Amino acid sequence: MVSHDRPGAGVVWARVEDGFHVGSRSGVFLGYIDRQPGGAFLAYDGRSRLVGRFEALTAAMAAVTNDQPSHDAEITLREVRVPAPRSIDGGKAS
């Protein structure tokens, strides 16, 4: 029997390629880990924000797994409008 109350319960880690791991829990993306050329691991949350730098893969996995925000956390969406580019001559036909 598996206890779902313990940290990391239900988390699946997939090695996408050598040095790059992606974590999920019940199909929900938790974050990813990227091994650096020097051997350290950079851990990122589900919004690609750096969680930390770790010497061991398992420590990086634990940080991503345990550093998850509440599912009730407020999410704010904003619309950013970018003006359409203008032609060099200011839009005048020649």
Protein backbone atom coordinates (compact mmCIF):
# COMPACT_ATOMS: atom_id res chain seq x y z
CA MET A 1 0.00 0.00 0.00
CA VAL A 2 1.26 3.49 -0.92
CA SER A 3 0.75 6.46 1.38
CA HIS A 4 -0.34 9.53 -0.57
CA ASP A 5 0.31 11.74 2.47
CA ARG A 6 4.07 11.53 2.22
CA PRO A 7 6.04 14.15 0.23
CA GLY A 8 6.53 13.15 -3.39
CA ALA A 9 3.67 10.64 -3.43
CA GLY A 10 2.20 10.23 -6.90
CA VAL A 11 5.00 12.16 -8.60
CA VAL A 12 6.40 10.79 -11.86
CA TRP A 13 9.74 11.93 -13.26
CA ALA A 14 10.55 11.40 -16.93
CA ARG A 15 14.00 11.75 -18.44
CA VAL A 16 13.27 13.57 -21.70
CA GLU A 17 16.92 13.52 -22.72
CA ASP A 18 20.24 13.11 -20.98
CA GLY A 19 20.35 15.72 -18.19
CA PHE A 20 16.77 16.97 -18.64
CA HIS A 21 13.96 15.67 -16.40
CA VAL A 22 10.28 16.63 -16.24
CA GLY A 23 8.04 16.01 -13.21
CA SER A 24 4.28 15.57 -12.98
CA ARG A 25 1.71 14.52 -10.42
CA SER A 26 -1.58 13.01 -11.59
CA GLY A 27 -0.88 14.39 -15.06
CA VAL A 28 -0.22 17.95 -13.81
CA PHE A 29 3.14 19.48 -14.80
CA LEU A 30 5.23 20.27 -11.70
CA GLY A 31 8.47 21.52 -13.22
CA TYR A 32 11.74 20.43 -14.73
CA ILE A 33 15.42 19.94 -13.97
CA ASP A 34 18.30 20.80 -16.27
CA ARG A 35 21.83 19.48 -15.64
CA GLN A 36 24.50 22.10 -16.26
CA PRO A 37 27.89 21.48 -17.94
CA GLY A 38 29.64 21.53 -14.53
CA GLY A 39 27.35 18.78 -13.23
CA ALA A 40 25.03 20.86 -11.01
CA PHE A 41 21.26 20.67 -11.48
CA LEU A 42 19.03 23.72 -11.92
CA ALA A 43 15.45 23.06 -10.79
CA TYR A 44 12.49 25.04 -12.16
CA ASP A 45 8.84 25.10 -11.11
CA GLY A 46 5.82 24.69 -13.38
CA ARG A 47 6.07 28.34 -14.46
CA SER A 48 9.77 28.07 -15.36
CA ARG A 49 10.88 30.00 -12.27
CA LEU A 50 14.17 28.90 -10.76
CA VAL A 51 13.67 26.89 -7.56
CA GLY A 52 17.38 26.41 -6.89
CA ARG A 53 20.74 24.92 -7.81
CA PHE A 54 21.59 21.46 -6.48
CA GLU A 55 24.54 19.09 -6.58
CA ALA A 56 22.34 15.96 -6.58
CA LEU A 57 19.47 15.13 -8.94
CA THR A 58 17.39 13.74 -6.07
CA ALA A 59 17.72 17.01 -4.12
CA ALA A 60 16.54 18.96 -7.18
CA MET A 61 13.60 16.57 -7.60
CA ALA A 62 12.62 17.00 -3.96
CA ALA A 63 12.76 20.80 -4.28
CA VAL A 64 10.49 20.84 -7.33
CA THR A 65 8.11 18.29 -5.80
CA ASN A 66 7.80 20.00 -2.41
CA ASP A 67 7.85 23.65 -3.56
CA GLN A 68 4.44 23.59 -5.23
CA PRO A 69 2.00 26.45 -4.64
CA SER A 70 -1.48 25.77 -3.34
CA HIS A 71 -3.96 24.73 -6.03
CA ASP A 72 -6.13 27.58 -4.70
CA ALA A 73 -3.50 30.22 -5.45
CA GLU A 74 -4.83 33.19 -7.39
CA ILE A 75 -3.75 33.47 -11.01
CA THR A 76 -3.85 36.85 -12.72
CA LEU A 77 -4.12 37.09 -16.49
CA ARG A 78 -3.21 40.26 -18.36
CA GLU A 79 -3.57 41.15 -22.00
CA VAL A 80 -0.58 42.87 -23.53
CA ARG A 81 -1.23 44.69 -26.80
CA VAL A 82 1.62 45.28 -29.19
CA PRO A 83 1.10 47.85 -31.97
CA ALA A 84 1.35 46.56 -35.52
CA PRO A 85 4.63 47.40 -37.25
CA ARG A 86 4.62 50.33 -39.66
CA SER A 87 6.31 50.45 -43.02
CA ILE A 88 9.49 52.48 -43.45
CA ASP A 89 7.73 55.19 -45.49
CA GLY A 90 5.05 55.70 -42.83
CA GLY A 91 2.42 53.72 -44.74
CA LYS A 92 2.33 56.05 -47.78
CA ALA A 93 2.10 54.43 -51.19
CA SER A 94 4.73 55.45 -53.71
